[in-house]
Every structure is written in C-alpha cells, then in structure tokens.
C-alpha cells in the first residue's frame, strides 16, 4: 500500500487510511475466528488477492496484510517461514489468507 505509512520528521506512523483498514481487518478476523488466540509457532501462509484490475505491486499489499494479522492471527509476522502470494483477476475484490502451523 503506498498510503500505508507517513512521516513527520524522523517519526513514522500509520496513515488514517491504514488505521481504518487495520480496524476492518481486525473486525473480520474476530468475526471469522471468534475466540481465536494468536498462533505462536512457525507458520506457512498463502495469500490470494482477487482484484478487478491488475495494478500495483503485490508485495506492497502483502506487507499490509501480514502486519494487520499481528496480534490477531499470529503473534508477529516474523513467525512466517513460508509465504506465497497469487493475484487473480475476478469481478469481486477480496483477499483470502490461509495459515498453517509448521511442525
């Protein structure tokens, strides 16, 4: 996301748009995984970006998704040892994230 971080002097912070997006992600995670405790082990993650148009870099979107899951799905995205991302053109935009614990 190009609008994810802003800076004022040496200080970096999330933009208003990024904070709103993280709240939406948190609400959706809590809806789909009620009572879920963040995973603590090593993880494998697959991200599927369903988009209407091919624009932007998938890696920019990926960082925002991983960061939004910190403290919700897993403790910290540093736990991710295997990661794949795929972008598909579809009429309905959405993000699908699959997570597996590794041995």
PDB file of N, CA and C in Angstrom:
ATOM      1  N   UNK A   1       0.837  -1.182   0.000  1.00  0.00           N
ATOM      2  CA  UNK A   1       0.000   0.000   0.000  1.00  0.00           C
ATOM      3  C   UNK A   1       0.878   1.241   0.000  1.00  0.00           C
ATOM      4  N   UNK A   2       0.733   2.087  -0.945  1.00  0.00           N
ATOM      5  CA  UNK A   2       1.517   3.311  -0.995  1.00  0.00           C
ATOM      6  C   UNK A   2       1.053   4.335   0.030  1.00  0.00           C
ATOM      7  N   UNK A   3      -0.135   4.166   0.558  1.00  0.00           N
ATOM      8  CA  UNK A   3      -0.693   5.120   1.518  1.00  0.00           C
ATOM      9  C   UNK A   3      -0.707   4.543   2.922  1.00  0.00           C
ATOM     10  N   UNK A   4       0.198   3.617   3.209  1.00  0.00           N
ATOM     11  CA  UNK A   4       0.203   2.913   4.486  1.00  0.00           C
ATOM     12  C   UNK A   4       0.963   3.683   5.565  1.00  0.00           C
ATOM     13  N   UNK A   5       2.140   4.201   5.226  1.00  0.00           N
ATOM     14  CA  UNK A   5       2.983   4.910   6.185  1.00  0.00           C
ATOM     15  C   UNK A   5       3.105   6.384   5.816  1.00  0.00           C
ATOM     16  N   UNK A   6       3.233   7.201   6.836  1.00  0.00           N
ATOM     17  CA  UNK A   6       3.519   8.623   6.661  1.00  0.00           C
ATOM     18  C   UNK A   6       4.669   8.966   7.601  1.00  0.00           C
ATOM     19  N   UNK A   7       5.285  10.099   7.390  1.00  0.00           N
ATOM     20  CA  UNK A   7       6.407  10.507   8.241  1.00  0.00           C
ATOM     21  C   UNK A   7       6.271  11.972   8.605  1.00  0.00           C
ATOM     22  N   UNK A   8       6.709  12.254   9.806  1.00  0.00           N
ATOM     23  CA  UNK A   8       6.800  13.620  10.277  1.00  0.00           C
ATOM     24  C   UNK A   8       8.140  13.713  10.992  1.00  0.00           C
ATOM     25  N   UNK A   9       9.087  14.368  10.335  1.00  0.00           N
ATOM     26  CA  UNK A   9      10.447  14.366  10.873  1.00  0.00           C
ATOM     27  C   UNK A   9      11.003  12.960  10.803  1.00  0.00           C
ATOM     28  N   UNK A  10      11.532  12.475  11.920  1.00  0.00           N
ATOM     29  CA  UNK A  10      12.058  11.104  11.970  1.00  0.00           C
ATOM     30  C   UNK A  10      10.997  10.081  12.348  1.00  0.00           C
ATOM     31  N   UNK A  11       9.853  10.546  12.730  1.00  0.00           N
ATOM     32  CA  UNK A  11       8.791   9.678  13.203  1.00  0.00           C
ATOM     33  C   UNK A  11       7.958   9.133  12.049  1.00  0.00           C
ATOM     34  N   UNK A  12       7.782   7.798  12.025  1.00  0.00           N
ATOM     35  CA  UNK A  12       6.910   7.160  11.032  1.00  0.00           C
ATOM     36  C   UNK A  12       5.656   6.673  11.730  1.00  0.00           C
ATOM     37  N   UNK A  13       4.533   6.779  11.048  1.00  0.00           N
ATOM     38  CA  UNK A  13       3.277   6.343  11.643  1.00  0.00           C
ATOM     39  C   UNK A  13       2.314   5.891  10.554  1.00  0.00           C
ATOM     40  N   UNK A  14       1.307   5.111  10.973  1.00  0.00           N
ATOM     41  CA  UNK A  14       0.287   4.662  10.032  1.00  0.00           C
ATOM     42  C   UNK A  14      -0.615   5.824   9.659  1.00  0.00           C
ATOM     43  N   UNK A  15      -0.980   5.877   8.401  1.00  0.00           N
ATOM     44  CA  UNK A  15      -1.898   6.918   7.946  1.00  0.00           C
ATOM     45  C   UNK A  15      -3.307   6.615   8.476  1.00  0.00           C
ATOM     46  N   UNK A  16      -4.172   7.584   8.385  1.00  0.00           N
ATOM     47  CA  UNK A  16      -5.568   7.409   8.797  1.00  0.00           C
ATOM     48  C   UNK A  16      -6.208   6.271   7.993  1.00  0.00           C
ATOM     49  N   UNK A  17      -5.915   6.235   6.711  1.00  0.00           N
ATOM     50  CA  UNK A  17      -6.450   5.188   5.833  1.00  0.00           C
ATOM     51  C   UNK A  17      -5.962   3.802   6.275  1.00  0.00           C
ATOM     52  N   UNK A  18      -4.697   3.687   6.637  1.00  0.00           N
ATOM     53  CA  UNK A  18      -4.135   2.411   7.086  1.00  0.00           C
ATOM     54  C   UNK A  18      -4.736   1.978   8.416  1.00  0.00           C
ATOM     55  N   UNK A  19      -4.932   2.912   9.340  1.00  0.00           N
ATOM     56  CA  UNK A  19      -5.542   2.580  10.634  1.00  0.00           C
ATOM     57  C   UNK A  19      -6.973   2.077  10.434  1.00  0.00           C
ATOM     58  N   UNK A  20      -7.708   2.713   9.542  1.00  0.00           N
ATOM     59  CA  UNK A  20      -9.079   2.286   9.257  1.00  0.00           C
ATOM     60  C   UNK A  20      -9.079   0.877   8.663  1.00  0.00           C
ATOM     61  N   UNK A  21      -8.170   0.628   7.735  1.00  0.00           N
ATOM     62  CA  UNK A  21      -8.081  -0.683   7.104  1.00  0.00           C
ATOM     63  C   UNK A  21      -7.736  -1.761   8.125  1.00  0.00           C
ATOM     64  N   UNK A  22      -6.795  -1.473   9.028  1.00  0.00           N
ATOM     65  CA  UNK A  22      -6.417  -2.447  10.060  1.00  0.00           C
ATOM     66  C   UNK A  22      -7.601  -2.747  10.982  1.00  0.00           C
ATOM     67  N   UNK A  23      -8.424  -1.746  11.288  1.00  0.00           N
ATOM     68  CA  UNK A  23      -9.619  -1.982  12.113  1.00  0.00           C
ATOM     69  C   UNK A  23     -10.604  -2.897  11.377  1.00  0.00           C
ATOM     70  N   UNK A  24     -10.766  -2.672  10.076  1.00  0.00           N
ATOM     71  CA  UNK A  24     -11.655  -3.529   9.286  1.00  0.00           C
ATOM     72  C   UNK A  24     -11.155  -4.973   9.260  1.00  0.00           C
ATOM     73  N   UNK A  25      -9.845  -5.153   9.094  1.00  0.00           N
ATOM     74  CA  UNK A  25      -9.253  -6.496   9.106  1.00  0.00           C
ATOM     75  C   UNK A  25      -9.480  -7.145  10.466  1.00  0.00           C
ATOM     76  N   UNK A  26      -9.229  -6.415  11.537  1.00  0.00           N
ATOM     77  CA  UNK A  26      -9.416  -6.957  12.889  1.00  0.00           C
ATOM     78  C   UNK A  26     -10.862  -7.389  13.108  1.00  0.00           C
ATOM     79  N   UNK A  27     -11.811  -6.568  12.691  1.00  0.00           N
ATOM     80  CA  UNK A  27     -13.226  -6.917  12.837  1.00  0.00           C
ATOM     81  C   UNK A  27     -13.554  -8.198  12.072  1.00  0.00           C
ATOM     82  N   UNK A  28     -13.022  -8.325  10.868  1.00  0.00           N
ATOM     83  CA  UNK A  28     -13.296  -9.502  10.047  1.00  0.00           C
ATOM     84  C   UNK A  28     -12.649 -10.750  10.641  1.00  0.00           C
ATOM     85  N   UNK A  29     -11.426 -10.637  11.141  1.00  0.00           N
ATOM     86  CA  UNK A  29     -10.756 -11.782  11.780  1.00  0.00           C
ATOM     87  C   UNK A  29     -11.561 -12.236  12.991  1.00  0.00           C
ATOM     88  N   UNK A  30     -11.996 -11.303  13.813  1.00  0.00           N
ATOM     89  CA  UNK A  30     -12.784 -11.663  15.003  1.00  0.00           C
ATOM     90  C   UNK A  30     -14.128 -12.295  14.622  1.00  0.00           C
ATOM     91  N   UNK A  31     -14.698 -11.842  13.518  1.00  0.00           N
ATOM     92  CA  UNK A  31     -15.967 -12.413  13.052  1.00  0.00           C
ATOM     93  C   UNK A  31     -15.772 -13.850  12.573  1.00  0.00           C
ATOM     94  N   UNK A  32     -14.691 -14.063  11.812  1.00  0.00           N
ATOM     95  CA  UNK A  32     -14.464 -15.378  11.230  1.00  0.00           C
ATOM     96  C   UNK A  32     -13.822 -16.362  12.209  1.00  0.00           C
ATOM     97  N   UNK A  33     -13.073 -15.848  13.180  1.00  0.00           N
ATOM     98  CA  UNK A  33     -12.367 -16.707  14.132  1.00  0.00           C
ATOM     99  C   UNK A  33     -12.690 -16.296  15.570  1.00  0.00           C
ATOM    100  N   UNK A  34     -13.947 -16.420  15.987  1.00  0.00           N
ATOM    101  CA  UNK A  34     -14.299 -15.973  17.340  1.00  0.00           C
ATOM    102  C   UNK A  34     -13.517 -16.751  18.404  1.00  0.00           C
ATOM    103  N   UNK A  35     -12.960 -16.029  19.360  1.00  0.00           N
ATOM    104  CA  UNK A  35     -12.210 -16.658  20.450  1.00  0.00           C
ATOM    105  C   UNK A  35     -10.825 -17.143  20.074  1.00  0.00           C
ATOM    106  N   UNK A  36     -10.385 -16.870  18.852  1.00  0.00           N
ATOM    107  CA  UNK A  36      -9.067 -17.327  18.399  1.00  0.00           C
ATOM    108  C   UNK A  36      -7.954 -16.651  19.187  1.00  0.00           C
ATOM    109  N   UNK A  37      -6.979 -17.450  19.604  1.00  0.00           N
ATOM    110  CA  UNK A  37      -5.782 -16.928  20.253  1.00  0.00           C
ATOM    111  C   UNK A  37      -4.665 -16.903  19.210  1.00  0.00           C
ATOM    112  N   UNK A  38      -3.846 -15.853  19.184  1.00  0.00           N
ATOM    113  CA  UNK A  38      -2.775 -15.771  18.182  1.00  0.00           C
ATOM    114  C   UNK A  38      -1.853 -16.990  18.222  1.00  0.00           C
ATOM    115  N   UNK A  39      -1.539 -17.516  17.042  1.00  0.00           N
ATOM    116  CA  UNK A  39      -0.638 -18.659  16.919  1.00  0.00           C
ATOM    117  C   UNK A  39       0.768 -18.243  17.332  1.00  0.00           C
ATOM    118  N   UNK A  40       1.497 -19.169  17.955  1.00  0.00           N
ATOM    119  CA  UNK A  40       2.823 -18.835  18.479  1.00  0.00           C
ATOM    120  C   UNK A  40       3.963 -19.533  17.747  1.00  0.00           C
ATOM    121  N   UNK A  41       3.662 -20.557  16.951  1.00  0.00           N
ATOM    122  CA  UNK A  41       4.709 -21.324  16.291  1.00  0.00           C
ATOM    123  C   UNK A  41       5.093 -20.778  14.928  1.00  0.00           C
ATOM    124  N   UNK A  42       5.909 -21.566  14.221  1.00  0.00           N
ATOM    125  CA  UNK A  42       6.344 -21.226  12.863  1.00  0.00           C
ATOM    126  C   UNK A  42       5.168 -21.464  11.916  1.00  0.00           C
ATOM    127  N   UNK A  43       5.065 -20.628  10.864  1.00  0.00           N
ATOM    128  CA  UNK A  43       3.872 -20.644  10.023  1.00  0.00           C
ATOM    129  C   UNK A  43       4.160 -20.692   8.527  1.00  0.00           C
ATOM    130  N   UNK A  44       3.174 -21.232   7.812  1.00  0.00           N
ATOM    131  CA  UNK A  44       3.125 -21.200   6.350  1.00  0.00           C
ATOM    132  C   UNK A  44       1.885 -20.391   6.003  1.00  0.00           C
ATOM    133  N   UNK A  45       2.021 -19.435   5.084  1.00  0.00           N
ATOM    134  CA  UNK A  45       0.915 -18.545   4.742  1.00  0.00           C
ATOM    135  C   UNK A  45       0.752 -18.484   3.225  1.00  0.00           C
ATOM    136  N   UNK A  46      -0.500 -18.599   2.790  1.00  0.00           N
ATOM    137  CA  UNK A  46      -0.842 -18.432   1.371  1.00  0.00           C
ATOM    138  C   UNK A  46      -1.831 -17.288   1.264  1.00  0.00           C
ATOM    139  N   UNK A  47      -1.538 -16.309   0.412  1.00  0.00           N
ATOM    140  CA  UNK A  47      -2.402 -15.148   0.225  1.00  0.00           C
ATOM    141  C   UNK A  47      -2.880 -15.141  -1.224  1.00  0.00           C
ATOM    142  N   UNK A  48      -4.182 -15.009  -1.391  1.00  0.00           N
ATOM    143  CA  UNK A  48      -4.782 -14.901  -2.716  1.00  0.00           C
ATOM    144  C   UNK A  48      -5.449 -13.535  -2.811  1.00  0.00           C
ATOM    145  N   UNK A  49      -4.958 -12.705  -3.715  1.00  0.00           N
ATOM    146  CA  UNK A  49      -5.531 -11.379  -3.958  1.00  0.00           C
ATOM    147  C   UNK A  49      -6.448 -11.475  -5.177  1.00  0.00           C
ATOM    148  N   UNK A  50      -7.720 -11.285  -4.951  1.00  0.00           N
ATOM    149  CA  UNK A  50      -8.696 -11.269  -6.050  1.00  0.00           C
ATOM    150  C   UNK A  50      -8.985  -9.804  -6.347  1.00  0.00           C
ATOM    151  N   UNK A  51      -8.628  -9.361  -7.541  1.00  0.00           N
ATOM    152  CA  UNK A  51      -8.747  -7.952  -7.901  1.00  0.00           C
ATOM    153  C   UNK A  51      -9.455  -7.802  -9.243  1.00  0.00           C
ATOM    154  N   UNK A  52     -10.074  -6.644  -9.438  1.00  0.00           N
ATOM    155  CA  UNK A  52     -10.747  -6.361 -10.710  1.00  0.00           C
ATOM    156  C   UNK A  52      -9.755  -5.957 -11.795  1.00  0.00           C
ATOM    157  N   UNK A  53      -8.695  -5.266 -11.381  1.00  0.00           N
ATOM    158  CA  UNK A  53      -7.709  -4.747 -12.334  1.00  0.00           C
ATOM    159  C   UNK A  53      -6.304  -5.075 -11.842  1.00  0.00           C
ATOM    160  N   UNK A  54      -5.415  -5.317 -12.774  1.00  0.00           N
ATOM    161  CA  UNK A  54      -4.023  -5.597 -12.443  1.00  0.00           C
ATOM    162  C   UNK A  54      -3.299  -4.257 -12.283  1.00  0.00           C
ATOM    163  N   UNK A  55      -3.155  -3.837 -11.018  1.00  0.00           N
ATOM    164  CA  UNK A  55      -2.465  -2.586 -10.751  1.00  0.00           C
ATOM    165  C   UNK A  55      -1.709  -2.711  -9.435  1.00  0.00           C
ATOM    166  N   UNK A  56      -0.642  -1.983  -9.332  1.00  0.00           N
ATOM    167  CA  UNK A  56       0.158  -2.017  -8.108  1.00  0.00           C
ATOM    168  C   UNK A  56       0.987  -3.281  -7.988  1.00  0.00           C
ATOM    169  N   UNK A  57       1.892  -3.252  -7.044  1.00  0.00           N
ATOM    170  CA  UNK A  57       2.768  -4.387  -6.782  1.00  0.00           C
ATOM    171  C   UNK A  57       2.140  -5.271  -5.711  1.00  0.00           C
ATOM    172  N   UNK A  58       2.133  -6.572  -5.929  1.00  0.00           N
ATOM    173  CA  UNK A  58       1.547  -7.471  -4.940  1.00  0.00           C
ATOM    174  C   UNK A  58       2.334  -7.447  -3.635  1.00  0.00           C
ATOM    175  N   UNK A  59       3.644  -7.229  -3.706  1.00  0.00           N
ATOM    176  CA  UNK A  59       4.440  -7.225  -2.474  1.00  0.00           C
ATOM    177  C   UNK A  59       4.083  -6.035  -1.571  1.00  0.00           C
ATOM    178  N   UNK A  60       3.674  -4.915  -2.143  1.00  0.00           N
ATOM    179  CA  UNK A  60       3.249  -3.781  -1.318  1.00  0.00           C
ATOM    180  C   UNK A  60       1.977  -4.118  -0.538  1.00  0.00           C
ATOM    181  N   UNK A  61       1.064  -4.791  -1.161  1.00  0.00           N
ATOM    182  CA  UNK A  61      -0.178  -5.189  -0.485  1.00  0.00           C
ATOM    183  C   UNK A  61       0.090  -6.258   0.559  1.00  0.00           C
ATOM    184  N   UNK A  62       1.035  -7.131   0.268  1.00  0.00           N
ATOM    185  CA  UNK A  62       1.342  -8.240   1.161  1.00  0.00           C
ATOM    186  C   UNK A  62       1.786  -7.763   2.540  1.00  0.00           C
ATOM    187  N   UNK A  63       2.655  -6.796   2.600  1.00  0.00           N
ATOM    188  CA  UNK A  63       3.161  -6.301   3.886  1.00  0.00           C
ATOM    189  C   UNK A  63       2.019  -5.765   4.751  1.00  0.00           C
ATOM    190  N   UNK A  64       1.094  -5.055   4.156  1.00  0.00           N
ATOM    191  CA  UNK A  64      -0.043  -4.515   4.903  1.00  0.00           C
ATOM    192  C   UNK A  64      -0.917  -5.632   5.465  1.00  0.00           C
ATOM    193  N   UNK A  65      -1.105  -6.689   4.695  1.00  0.00           N
ATOM    194  CA  UNK A  65      -1.913  -7.821   5.151  1.00  0.00           C
ATOM    195  C   UNK A  65      -1.227  -8.525   6.310  1.00  0.00           C
ATOM    196  N   UNK A  66       0.054  -8.828   6.168  1.00  0.00           N
ATOM    197  CA  UNK A  66       0.790  -9.515   7.228  1.00  0.00           C
ATOM    198  C   UNK A  66       0.808  -8.688   8.509  1.00  0.00           C
ATOM    199  N   UNK A  67       1.069  -7.406   8.393  1.00  0.00           N
ATOM    200  CA  UNK A  67       1.087  -6.532   9.574  1.00  0.00           C
ATOM    201  C   UNK A  67      -0.275  -6.482  10.264  1.00  0.00           C
ATOM    202  N   UNK A  68      -1.353  -6.476   9.488  1.00  0.00           N
ATOM    203  CA  UNK A  68      -2.694  -6.396  10.072  1.00  0.00           C
ATOM    204  C   UNK A  68      -3.036  -7.638  10.891  1.00  0.00           C
ATOM    205  N   UNK A  69      -2.401  -8.769  10.586  1.00  0.00           N
ATOM    206  CA  UNK A  69      -2.681 -10.015  11.305  1.00  0.00           C
ATOM    207  C   UNK A  69      -1.883 -10.131  12.608  1.00  0.00           C
ATOM    208  N   UNK A  70      -0.892  -9.251  12.806  1.00  0.00           N
ATOM    209  CA  UNK A  70      -0.098  -9.290  14.035  1.00  0.00           C
ATOM    210  C   UNK A  70      -0.998  -9.112  15.254  1.00  0.00           C
ATOM    211  N   UNK A  71      -0.833 -10.010  16.227  1.00  0.00           N
ATOM    212  CA  UNK A  71      -1.614  -9.942  17.460  1.00  0.00           C
ATOM    213  C   UNK A  71      -3.023 -10.483  17.333  1.00  0.00           C
ATOM    214  N   UNK A  72      -3.431 -10.855  16.123  1.00  0.00           N
ATOM    215  CA  UNK A  72      -4.775 -11.399  15.892  1.00  0.00           C
ATOM    216  C   UNK A  72      -4.717 -12.862  15.456  1.00  0.00           C
ATOM    217  N   UNK A  73      -4.073 -13.103  14.332  1.00  0.00           N
ATOM    218  CA  UNK A  73      -3.954 -14.458  13.803  1.00  0.00           C
ATOM    219  C   UNK A  73      -2.678 -15.104  14.337  1.00  0.00           C
ATOM    220  N   UNK A  74      -1.613 -14.354  14.374  1.00  0.00           N
ATOM    221  CA  UNK A  74      -0.340 -14.797  14.931  1.00  0.00           C
ATOM    222  C   UNK A  74       0.194 -13.702  15.840  1.00  0.00           C
ATOM    223  N   UNK A  75       1.219 -14.036  16.597  1.00  0.00           N
ATOM    224  CA  UNK A  75       1.809 -13.049  17.494  1.00  0.00           C
ATOM    225  C   UNK A  75       2.508 -11.969  16.686  1.00  0.00           C
ATOM    226  N   UNK A  76       3.365 -12.382  15.731  1.00  0.00           N
ATOM    227  CA  UNK A  76       4.116 -11.441  14.906  1.00  0.00           C
ATOM    228  C   UNK A  76       4.416 -12.080  13.564  1.00  0.00           C
ATOM    229  N   UNK A  77       4.435 -11.288  12.506  1.00  0.00           N
ATOM    230  CA  UNK A  77       4.667 -11.848  11.171  1.00  0.00           C
ATOM    231  C   UNK A  77       6.083 -12.391  10.993  1.00  0.00           C
ATOM    232  N   UNK A  78       6.966 -12.195  11.962  1.00  0.00           N
ATOM    233  CA  UNK A  78       8.291 -12.825  11.909  1.00  0.00           C
ATOM    234  C   UNK A  78       8.194 -14.341  12.011  1.00  0.00           C
ATOM    235  N   UNK A  79       7.045 -14.856  12.437  1.00  0.00           N
ATOM    236  CA  UNK A  79       6.835 -16.296  12.557  1.00  0.00           C
ATOM    237  C   UNK A  79       6.665 -16.981  11.203  1.00  0.00           C
ATOM    238  N   UNK A  80       6.406 -16.216  10.161  1.00  0.00           N
ATOM    239  CA  UNK A  80       6.128 -16.783   8.837  1.00  0.00           C
ATOM    240  C   UNK A  80       7.435 -17.234   8.191  1.00  0.00           C
ATOM    241  N   UNK A  81       7.539 -18.562   7.982  1.00  0.00           N
ATOM    242  CA  UNK A  81       8.725 -19.150   7.358  1.00  0.00           C
ATOM    243  C   UNK A  81       8.504 -19.465   5.882  1.00  0.00           C
ATOM    244  N   UNK A  82       7.272 -19.660   5.494  1.00  0.00           N
ATOM    245  CA  UNK A  82       6.947 -19.964   4.100  1.00  0.00           C
ATOM    246  C   UNK A  82       5.788 -19.069   3.705  1.00  0.00           C
ATOM    247  N   UNK A  83       5.921 -18.412   2.544  1.00  0.00           N
ATOM    248  CA  UNK A  83       4.921 -17.447   2.131  1.00  0.00           C
ATOM    249  C   UNK A  83       4.716 -17.515   0.617  1.00  0.00           C
ATOM    250  N   UNK A  84       3.442 -17.577   0.209  1.00  0.00           N
ATOM    251  CA  UNK A  84       3.154 -17.499  -1.224  1.00  0.00           C
ATOM    252  C   UNK A  84       2.028 -16.507  -1.435  1.00  0.00           C
ATOM    253  N   UNK A  85       2.069 -15.853  -2.590  1.00  0.00           N
ATOM    254  CA  UNK A  85       1.038 -14.876  -2.928  1.00  0.00           C
ATOM    255  C   UNK A  85       0.667 -15.059  -4.395  1.00  0.00           C
ATOM    256  N   UNK A  86      -0.615 -14.952  -4.653  1.00  0.00           N
ATOM    257  CA  UNK A  86      -1.122 -15.072  -6.015  1.00  0.00           C
ATOM    258  C   UNK A  86      -2.149 -13.968  -6.233  1.00  0.00           C
ATOM    259  N   UNK A  87      -2.108 -13.368  -7.414  1.00  0.00           N
ATOM    260  CA  UNK A  87      -3.096 -12.350  -7.780  1.00  0.00           C
ATOM    261  C   UNK A  87      -3.941 -12.907  -8.921  1.00  0.00           C
ATOM    262  N   UNK A  88      -5.263 -12.792  -8.753  1.00  0.00           N
ATOM    263  CA  UNK A  88      -6.195 -13.250  -9.782  1.00  0.00           C
ATOM    264  C   UNK A  88      -7.138 -12.111 -10.144  1.00  0.00           C
ATOM    265  N   UNK A  89      -7.450 -12.031 -11.421  1.00  0.00           N
ATOM    266  CA  UNK A  89      -8.460 -11.065 -11.864  1.00  0.00           C
ATOM    267  C   UNK A  89      -9.828 -11.701 -11.689  1.00  0.00           C
ATOM    268  N   UNK A  90     -10.664 -11.063 -10.876  1.00  0.00           N
ATOM    269  CA  UNK A  90     -12.012 -11.549 -10.597  1.00  0.00           C
ATOM    270  C   UNK A  90     -12.950 -10.357 -10.477  1.00  0.00           C
ATOM    271  N   UNK A  91     -14.243 -10.557 -10.703  1.00  0.00           N
ATOM    272  CA  UNK A  91     -15.188  -9.431 -10.646  1.00  0.00           C
ATOM    273  C   UNK A  91     -15.412  -8.883  -9.236  1.00  0.00           C
ATOM    274  N   UNK A  92     -15.185  -9.708  -8.212  1.00  0.00           N
ATOM    275  CA  UNK A  92     -15.369  -9.267  -6.822  1.00  0.00           C
ATOM    276  C   UNK A  92     -14.005  -9.224  -6.137  1.00  0.00           C
ATOM    277  N   UNK A  93     -13.624  -8.045  -5.638  1.00  0.00           N
ATOM    278  CA  UNK A  93     -12.329  -7.909  -4.974  1.00  0.00           C
ATOM    279  C   UNK A  93     -12.412  -8.448  -3.555  1.00  0.00           C
ATOM    280  N   UNK A  94     -11.408  -9.239  -3.179  1.00  0.00           N
ATOM    281  CA  UNK A  94     -11.313  -9.806  -1.839  1.00  0.00           C
ATOM    282  C   UNK A  94      -9.913 -10.348  -1.630  1.00  0.00           C
ATOM    283  N   UNK A  95      -9.615 -10.661  -0.385  1.00  0.00           N
ATOM    284  CA  UNK A  95      -8.341 -11.271  -0.029  1.00  0.00           C
ATOM    285  C   UNK A  95      -8.645 -12.535   0.742  1.00  0.00           C
ATOM    286  N   UNK A  96      -8.004 -13.631   0.351  1.00  0.00           N
ATOM    287  CA  UNK A  96      -8.142 -14.903   1.056  1.00  0.00           C
ATOM    288  C   UNK A  96      -6.779 -15.242   1.620  1.00  0.00           C
ATOM    289  N   UNK A  97      -6.742 -15.523   2.914  1.00  0.00           N
ATOM    290  CA  UNK A  97      -5.477 -15.869   3.587  1.00  0.00           C
ATOM    291  C   UNK A  97      -5.656 -17.229   4.251  1.00  0.00           C
ATOM    292  N   UNK A  98      -4.736 -18.141   3.931  1.00  0.00           N
ATOM    293  CA  UNK A  98      -4.713 -19.457   4.573  1.00  0.00           C
ATOM    294  C   UNK A  98      -3.443 -19.552   5.400  1.00  0.00           C
ATOM    295  N   UNK A  99      -3.558 -20.095   6.616  1.00  0.00           N
ATOM    296  CA  UNK A  99      -2.428 -20.176   7.532  1.00  0.00           C
ATOM    297  C   UNK A  99      -2.334 -21.597   8.069  1.00  0.00           C
ATOM    298  N   UNK A 100      -1.121 -22.145   8.065  1.00  0.00           N
ATOM    299  CA  UNK A 100      -0.854 -23.450   8.629  1.00  0.00           C
ATOM    300  C   UNK A 100       0.303 -23.327   9.627  1.00  0.00           C
ATOM    301  N   UNK A 101       0.205 -24.068  10.710  1.00  0.00           N
ATOM    302  CA  UNK A 101       1.347 -24.168  11.634  1.00  0.00           C
ATOM    303  C   UNK A 101       2.295 -25.226  11.104  1.00  0.00           C
ATOM    304  N   UNK A 102       3.574 -24.959  11.171  1.00  0.00           N
ATOM    305  CA  UNK A 102       4.588 -25.896  10.716  1.00  0.00           C
ATOM    306  C   UNK A 102       5.086 -26.710  11.912  1.00  0.00           C
ATOM    307  N   UNK A 103       5.195 -28.033  11.691  1.00  0.00           N
ATOM    308  CA  UNK A 103       5.709 -28.997  12.675  1.00  0.00           C
ATOM    309  C   UNK A 103       5.988 -28.438  13.955  1.00  0.00           C
TER     310      UNK A 103
END
